[in-house]
């Protein structure tokens, strides 16, 4: 087992600020959703920030990411411009997907960020395909695929892990196990709740990780990426928790408030701040400075999205590939 990374001052500051940026960005999204500026579906990452931040820090720019529909945090951690992500949520042309994807389809090919995938488990076979392509072309790239534990019940999870193991493709499967999928407890849906054990059944390395501790996530991600870089798939089961509802339309009748508050005691922002303070590399003024910096950045992102432009109606058929048929006259 590789030792945890040394939490020096630059690393502690970077990890804390990156997670804080995701948290404050999404808190503003809640306000904007209530104001009608953001429409459609909105799935928040609140509580799971350590997973995206820790994993992305273990990757290289040439590596690929396949995300879920809860992908704002993953996109921001990957380095997608804050304004472009916010503009995408607004549906503006300046968004990362031209305003056509919205909350669930943030995409940036330049940064090898391949979705935002709205279908549960739909990104898993895509990730295997990307990794297989890299292998066949002799590129030393790794593909990381994020998905929730609800996707483990889908057939493509098992098919994809089986093929990844058979073909020895460089992919890291990252299961964000927040215990409830959309609204059903894991032990209700799965006879075997140890997701890492499922992966081992396909003869691949697998590890269960404290997904609320960004330093532990980073260490595990480095181990996993090293395995994949050498030509073998692996899986990380991140034990995490979303503090907010599954989506803005979720009444959360499946869990009680006391449980949520118990998990809030393990808030990833508090965990890394406490560790940084205990080791003497973080101070209260650092946290305050981060808050101010992040607030300005989010304000600027909202202003960028507000200034953005709508796609003209006459261009709405652009990128539509279905053939047009001429209307027959009687």
Protein backbone atom coordinates (compact mmCIF):
# COMPACT_ATOMS: atom_id res chain seq x y z
CA UNK A 1 0.00 0.00 0.00
CA UNK A 2 1.44 3.34 -1.11
CA UNK A 3 1.77 5.93 1.65
CA UNK A 4 -0.59 8.90 1.59
CA UNK A 5 0.81 11.96 -0.21
CA UNK A 6 2.56 14.45 2.05
CA UNK A 7 0.07 17.23 2.73
CA UNK A 8 2.40 20.17 2.19
CA UNK A 9 1.10 23.72 1.96
CA UNK A 10 0.76 23.99 -1.87
CA UNK A 11 -1.09 20.67 -2.09
CA UNK A 12 -3.37 21.42 0.86
CA UNK A 13 -4.28 24.84 -0.55
CA UNK A 14 -4.92 23.46 -4.03
CA UNK A 15 -7.08 20.56 -2.86
CA UNK A 16 -9.15 22.75 -0.55
CA UNK A 17 -9.69 25.48 -3.14
CA UNK A 18 -10.63 23.07 -5.93
CA UNK A 19 -13.26 21.38 -3.76
CA UNK A 20 -14.52 24.72 -2.49
CA UNK A 21 -14.88 25.97 -6.06
CA UNK A 22 -17.12 23.03 -6.95
CA UNK A 23 -19.20 23.51 -3.78
CA UNK A 24 -19.75 27.24 -4.24
CA UNK A 25 -20.35 26.90 -7.98
CA UNK A 26 -23.16 24.43 -7.36
CA UNK A 27 -24.63 26.43 -4.49
CA UNK A 28 -24.98 29.31 -6.94
CA UNK A 29 -26.54 26.90 -9.43
CA UNK A 30 -29.28 26.14 -6.89
CA UNK A 31 -30.07 29.86 -6.65
CA UNK A 32 -30.05 30.27 -10.42
CA UNK A 33 -32.27 27.23 -10.84
CA UNK A 34 -34.80 28.75 -8.46
CA UNK A 35 -34.66 31.97 -10.48
CA UNK A 36 -35.36 30.12 -13.72
CA UNK A 37 -31.94 30.87 -15.23
CA UNK A 38 -31.01 27.16 -15.26
CA UNK A 39 -33.70 24.77 -16.44
CA UNK A 40 -34.22 21.08 -16.97
CA UNK A 41 -32.47 18.52 -14.78
CA UNK A 42 -29.80 19.46 -12.25
CA UNK A 43 -27.85 16.82 -10.30
CA UNK A 44 -25.48 18.25 -7.70
CA UNK A 45 -22.13 16.90 -6.52
CA UNK A 46 -22.36 18.40 -3.03
CA UNK A 47 -20.44 16.07 -0.67
CA UNK A 48 -18.63 14.10 -3.37
CA UNK A 49 -16.05 16.75 -4.34
CA UNK A 50 -13.09 14.81 -2.95
CA UNK A 51 -13.59 12.06 -5.53
CA UNK A 52 -13.31 14.28 -8.61
CA UNK A 53 -10.54 16.47 -7.23
CA UNK A 54 -8.42 13.56 -5.99
CA UNK A 55 -8.80 11.49 -9.14
CA UNK A 56 -8.17 14.32 -11.61
CA UNK A 57 -4.95 15.28 -9.85
CA UNK A 58 -3.58 11.80 -10.59
CA UNK A 59 -4.13 12.18 -14.36
CA UNK A 60 -2.20 13.67 -17.26
CA UNK A 61 -3.71 16.06 -19.84
CA UNK A 62 -3.66 13.33 -22.50
CA UNK A 63 -5.72 10.94 -20.36
CA UNK A 64 -9.47 10.64 -21.04
CA UNK A 65 -12.45 11.06 -18.71
CA UNK A 66 -15.94 9.66 -19.16
CA UNK A 67 -18.36 11.19 -16.66
CA UNK A 68 -21.91 10.74 -15.41
CA UNK A 69 -24.83 13.18 -15.46
CA UNK A 70 -23.61 14.44 -12.04
CA UNK A 71 -20.54 15.82 -13.77
CA UNK A 72 -20.18 19.51 -12.88
CA UNK A 73 -17.60 18.70 -10.21
CA UNK A 74 -15.71 16.36 -12.51
CA UNK A 75 -15.67 18.95 -15.30
CA UNK A 76 -14.40 21.74 -13.04
CA UNK A 77 -11.78 19.48 -11.46
CA UNK A 78 -10.59 18.57 -14.96
CA UNK A 79 -10.01 22.25 -15.66
CA UNK A 80 -12.92 23.17 -17.89
CA UNK A 81 -13.38 26.96 -17.73
CA UNK A 82 -15.83 27.96 -15.05
CA UNK A 83 -17.65 30.40 -17.32
CA UNK A 84 -18.09 27.84 -20.09
CA UNK A 85 -19.60 25.29 -17.72
CA UNK A 86 -21.99 27.88 -16.29
CA UNK A 87 -22.92 29.07 -19.79
CA UNK A 88 -23.70 25.47 -20.72
CA UNK A 89 -26.07 25.21 -17.78
CA UNK A 90 -27.71 28.44 -18.98
CA UNK A 91 -28.07 26.95 -22.48
CA UNK A 92 -25.92 29.65 -24.07
CA UNK A 93 -23.78 29.26 -27.20
CA UNK A 94 -20.65 30.06 -25.20
CA UNK A 95 -21.14 26.88 -23.17
CA UNK A 96 -18.77 23.95 -23.40
CA UNK A 97 -21.28 22.06 -25.58
CA UNK A 98 -22.60 25.15 -27.33
CA UNK A 99 -25.56 25.31 -24.98
CA UNK A 100 -27.10 22.19 -26.50
CA UNK A 101 -26.18 19.73 -23.75
CA UNK A 102 -27.11 21.49 -20.55
CA UNK A 103 -26.39 20.15 -17.10
CA UNK A 104 -26.14 16.47 -18.00
CA UNK A 105 -23.99 16.73 -21.14
CA UNK A 106 -20.94 18.86 -20.38
CA UNK A 107 -18.33 17.89 -22.99
CA UNK A 108 -14.89 19.17 -23.97
CA UNK A 109 -12.91 17.13 -26.51
CA UNK A 110 -9.87 19.44 -26.20
CA UNK A 111 -9.49 18.39 -22.57
CA UNK A 112 -10.50 14.79 -23.35
CA UNK A 113 -13.59 15.17 -21.19
CA UNK A 114 -16.10 12.92 -22.96
CA UNK A 115 -19.37 13.63 -21.19
CA UNK A 116 -21.73 14.00 -19.26
CA UNK A 117 -23.75 10.86 -20.04
CA UNK A 118 -27.41 10.90 -19.08
CA UNK A 119 -27.97 7.14 -19.35
CA UNK A 120 -27.11 5.24 -16.17
CA UNK A 121 -24.05 3.13 -16.95
CA UNK A 122 -24.00 4.37 -20.54
CA UNK A 123 -20.50 5.76 -20.28
CA UNK A 124 -18.89 2.52 -19.10
CA UNK A 125 -18.65 0.79 -22.50
CA UNK A 126 -17.62 4.11 -24.07
CA UNK A 127 -14.68 4.24 -21.67
CA UNK A 128 -13.63 0.71 -22.59
CA UNK A 129 -13.76 1.70 -26.26
CA UNK A 130 -11.61 4.78 -25.69
CA UNK A 131 -9.07 2.77 -23.72
CA UNK A 132 -9.01 0.02 -26.35
CA UNK A 133 -8.38 2.61 -29.08
CA UNK A 134 -5.46 4.04 -27.12
CA UNK A 135 -4.03 0.55 -26.65
CA UNK A 136 -4.33 -0.37 -30.33
CA UNK A 137 -2.72 2.92 -31.36
CA UNK A 138 0.14 2.43 -28.94
CA UNK A 139 -0.65 5.55 -26.89
CA UNK A 140 0.25 5.56 -23.20
CA UNK A 141 -3.06 7.05 -22.17
CA UNK A 142 -5.41 6.06 -19.39
CA UNK A 143 -9.18 6.41 -19.47
CA UNK A 144 -11.05 7.05 -16.22
CA UNK A 145 -14.74 6.25 -16.09
CA UNK A 146 -16.97 7.66 -13.33
CA UNK A 147 -20.33 6.09 -12.47
CA UNK A 148 -22.58 5.66 -9.47
CA UNK A 149 -23.27 2.40 -7.68
CA UNK A 150 -26.70 2.30 -9.31
CA UNK A 151 -24.94 1.54 -12.60
CA UNK A 152 -23.58 -1.69 -11.11
CA UNK A 153 -27.04 -3.20 -11.63
CA UNK A 154 -26.83 -2.54 -15.36
CA UNK A 155 -25.69 -5.19 -17.80
CA UNK A 156 -23.10 -2.93 -19.44
CA UNK A 157 -21.19 -2.72 -16.15
CA UNK A 158 -20.57 -6.46 -16.18
CA UNK A 159 -20.04 -6.71 -19.93
CA UNK A 160 -17.56 -3.84 -19.88
CA UNK A 161 -15.54 -5.11 -16.93
CA UNK A 162 -15.38 -8.54 -18.51
CA UNK A 163 -14.09 -7.17 -21.83
CA UNK A 164 -11.70 -4.74 -20.15
CA UNK A 165 -10.15 -7.61 -18.25
CA UNK A 166 -10.02 -9.94 -21.26
CA UNK A 167 -8.48 -7.30 -23.51
CA UNK A 168 -6.25 -5.76 -20.82
CA UNK A 169 -7.23 -2.19 -21.60
CA UNK A 170 -5.89 0.81 -19.63
CA UNK A 171 -9.07 1.93 -17.90
CA UNK A 172 -9.79 2.92 -14.29
CA UNK A 173 -13.40 2.38 -13.25
CA UNK A 174 -14.35 4.84 -10.48
CA UNK A 175 -17.58 3.90 -8.73
CA UNK A 176 -18.96 6.81 -6.70
CA UNK A 177 -20.88 4.76 -4.17
CA UNK A 178 -23.18 7.24 -2.45
CA UNK A 179 -25.32 4.38 -1.09
CA UNK A 180 -28.67 5.30 -2.64
CA UNK A 181 -28.39 5.38 -6.43
CA UNK A 182 -31.44 7.43 -7.38
CA UNK A 183 -33.41 6.61 -4.25
CA UNK A 184 -32.97 2.95 -3.28
CA UNK A 185 -30.50 1.81 -0.64
CA UNK A 186 -27.69 -0.35 -1.98
CA UNK A 187 -28.56 -3.36 0.17
CA UNK A 188 -32.08 -3.36 -1.27
CA UNK A 189 -30.86 -3.47 -4.86
CA UNK A 190 -27.74 -5.63 -4.63
CA UNK A 191 -27.28 -9.06 -3.06
CA UNK A 192 -23.54 -8.33 -2.89
CA UNK A 193 -22.90 -4.77 -1.73
CA UNK A 194 -19.10 -4.97 -1.95
CA UNK A 195 -18.57 -3.43 -5.39
CA UNK A 196 -14.80 -3.89 -5.26
CA UNK A 197 -15.46 -7.63 -4.82
CA UNK A 198 -17.53 -7.64 -8.02
CA UNK A 199 -14.56 -6.23 -9.93
CA UNK A 200 -12.23 -8.83 -8.47
CA UNK A 201 -14.61 -11.40 -9.89
CA UNK A 202 -13.44 -10.22 -13.30
CA UNK A 203 -9.81 -10.72 -12.24
CA UNK A 204 -8.91 -7.07 -11.92
CA UNK A 205 -7.38 -5.10 -9.07
CA UNK A 206 -9.96 -3.30 -6.97
CA UNK A 207 -9.86 -1.13 -3.88
CA UNK A 208 -12.40 0.46 -1.53
CA UNK A 209 -11.52 4.08 -0.67
CA UNK A 210 -12.75 6.70 1.80
CA UNK A 211 -14.30 9.03 -0.74
CA UNK A 212 -14.69 11.84 1.80
CA UNK A 213 -10.91 12.17 2.26
CA UNK A 214 -9.34 13.83 -0.78
CA UNK A 215 -5.82 12.80 0.24
CA UNK A 216 -6.86 9.15 0.45
CA UNK A 217 -8.59 9.48 -2.93
CA UNK A 218 -5.46 10.98 -4.49
CA UNK A 219 -3.26 8.18 -3.16
CA UNK A 220 -5.65 5.48 -4.41
CA UNK A 221 -6.04 7.19 -7.78
CA UNK A 222 -2.27 7.28 -8.26
CA UNK A 223 -2.07 3.57 -7.54
CA UNK A 224 -4.90 2.81 -9.94
CA UNK A 225 -3.56 5.00 -12.74
CA UNK A 226 -0.16 3.34 -12.40
CA UNK A 227 -1.80 -0.08 -12.83
CA UNK A 228 -3.74 1.09 -15.88
CA UNK A 229 -0.72 2.82 -17.39
CA UNK A 230 1.05 -0.54 -17.30
CA UNK A 231 -1.77 -2.12 -19.28
CA UNK A 232 -4.40 -3.51 -16.93
CA UNK A 233 -7.85 -2.32 -15.85
CA UNK A 234 -8.79 -1.71 -12.23
CA UNK A 235 -11.65 -0.37 -10.13
CA UNK A 236 -11.90 2.08 -7.24
CA UNK A 237 -15.01 1.99 -5.08
CA UNK A 238 -15.31 5.45 -3.55
CA UNK A 239 -17.45 5.38 -0.41
CA UNK A 240 -19.01 8.81 -0.54
CA UNK A 241 -22.30 10.60 0.10
CA UNK A 242 -24.33 13.32 -1.55
CA UNK A 243 -25.61 15.88 0.92
CA UNK A 244 -28.36 17.10 -1.37
CA UNK A 245 -31.12 15.24 -3.18
CA UNK A 246 -30.55 13.04 -6.22
CA UNK A 247 -31.89 15.90 -8.35
CA UNK A 248 -33.87 19.08 -7.87
CA UNK A 249 -37.10 17.02 -8.14
CA UNK A 250 -36.23 14.52 -5.40
CA UNK A 251 -38.18 14.68 -2.12
CA UNK A 252 -35.62 12.39 -0.39
CA UNK A 253 -38.21 10.24 1.34
CA UNK A 254 -35.76 7.33 1.42
CA UNK A 255 -33.38 8.80 4.06
CA UNK A 256 -33.68 10.89 7.19
CA UNK A 257 -32.08 14.19 8.12
CA UNK A 258 -30.08 12.69 11.00
CA UNK A 259 -28.22 10.44 8.58
CA UNK A 260 -27.36 13.39 6.35
CA UNK A 261 -26.06 15.37 9.32
CA UNK A 262 -23.89 12.44 10.45
CA UNK A 263 -22.30 12.34 7.01
CA UNK A 264 -21.81 16.12 7.06
CA UNK A 265 -19.40 15.55 9.92
CA UNK A 266 -17.20 13.94 7.25
CA UNK A 267 -17.58 16.84 4.82
CA UNK A 268 -14.51 16.58 2.53
CA UNK A 269 -13.84 20.31 2.89
CA UNK A 270 -13.73 19.98 6.67
CA UNK A 271 -11.61 16.82 6.50
CA UNK A 272 -8.82 18.37 4.45
CA UNK A 273 -9.01 21.69 6.34
CA UNK A 274 -8.67 19.89 9.68
CA UNK A 275 -5.76 17.80 8.38
CA UNK A 276 -4.04 20.90 7.04
CA UNK A 277 -4.48 22.80 10.29
CA UNK A 278 -3.29 19.84 12.36
CA UNK A 279 -0.09 19.62 10.31
CA UNK A 280 0.43 23.37 10.42
CA UNK A 281 0.21 23.96 6.65
CA UNK A 282 -3.24 25.58 6.61
CA UNK A 283 -4.55 28.48 8.67
CA UNK A 284 -7.89 30.22 9.05
CA UNK A 285 -6.73 33.14 6.91
CA UNK A 286 -5.95 30.70 4.09
CA UNK A 287 -9.50 29.38 4.19
CA UNK A 288 -10.87 32.91 4.19
CA UNK A 289 -8.71 33.88 1.22
CA UNK A 290 -9.89 30.82 -0.66
CA UNK A 291 -13.52 31.76 0.01
CA UNK A 292 -12.98 35.26 -1.37
CA UNK A 293 -11.12 34.00 -4.44
CA UNK A 294 -13.76 31.39 -5.20
CA UNK A 295 -16.61 33.87 -4.70
CA UNK A 296 -15.08 36.22 -7.28
CA UNK A 297 -14.52 33.36 -9.73
CA UNK A 298 -18.13 32.18 -9.45
CA UNK A 299 -19.43 35.75 -9.80
CA UNK A 300 -17.39 36.13 -12.99
CA UNK A 301 -18.70 32.81 -14.33
CA UNK A 302 -22.30 33.87 -13.76
CA UNK A 303 -21.65 37.23 -15.42
CA UNK A 304 -20.07 35.43 -18.40
CA UNK A 305 -23.12 33.19 -18.74
CA UNK A 306 -25.50 36.15 -18.40
CA UNK A 307 -23.67 37.95 -21.24
CA UNK A 308 -23.84 34.85 -23.40
CA UNK A 309 -25.94 34.55 -26.53
CA UNK A 310 -28.79 32.26 -27.48
CA UNK A 311 -28.49 30.10 -30.56
CA UNK A 312 -30.68 31.52 -33.35
CA UNK A 313 -33.78 29.47 -34.07
CA UNK A 314 -32.77 29.07 -37.71
CA UNK A 315 -29.63 27.19 -36.60
CA UNK A 316 -31.39 24.61 -34.45
CA UNK A 317 -31.15 21.94 -37.15
CA UNK A 318 -27.37 22.29 -37.24
CA UNK A 319 -25.65 19.01 -36.27
CA UNK A 320 -28.89 17.09 -36.83
CA UNK A 321 -27.97 14.15 -39.03
CA UNK A 322 -31.39 12.69 -39.85
CA UNK A 323 -32.08 13.11 -43.59
CA UNK A 324 -34.71 15.59 -44.58
CA UNK A 325 -37.56 14.35 -46.72
CA UNK A 326 -39.46 16.52 -49.09
CA UNK A 327 -43.14 16.88 -48.35
CA UNK A 328 -45.25 15.34 -51.05
CA UNK A 329 -47.85 17.55 -52.61
CA UNK A 330 -51.25 16.00 -53.16
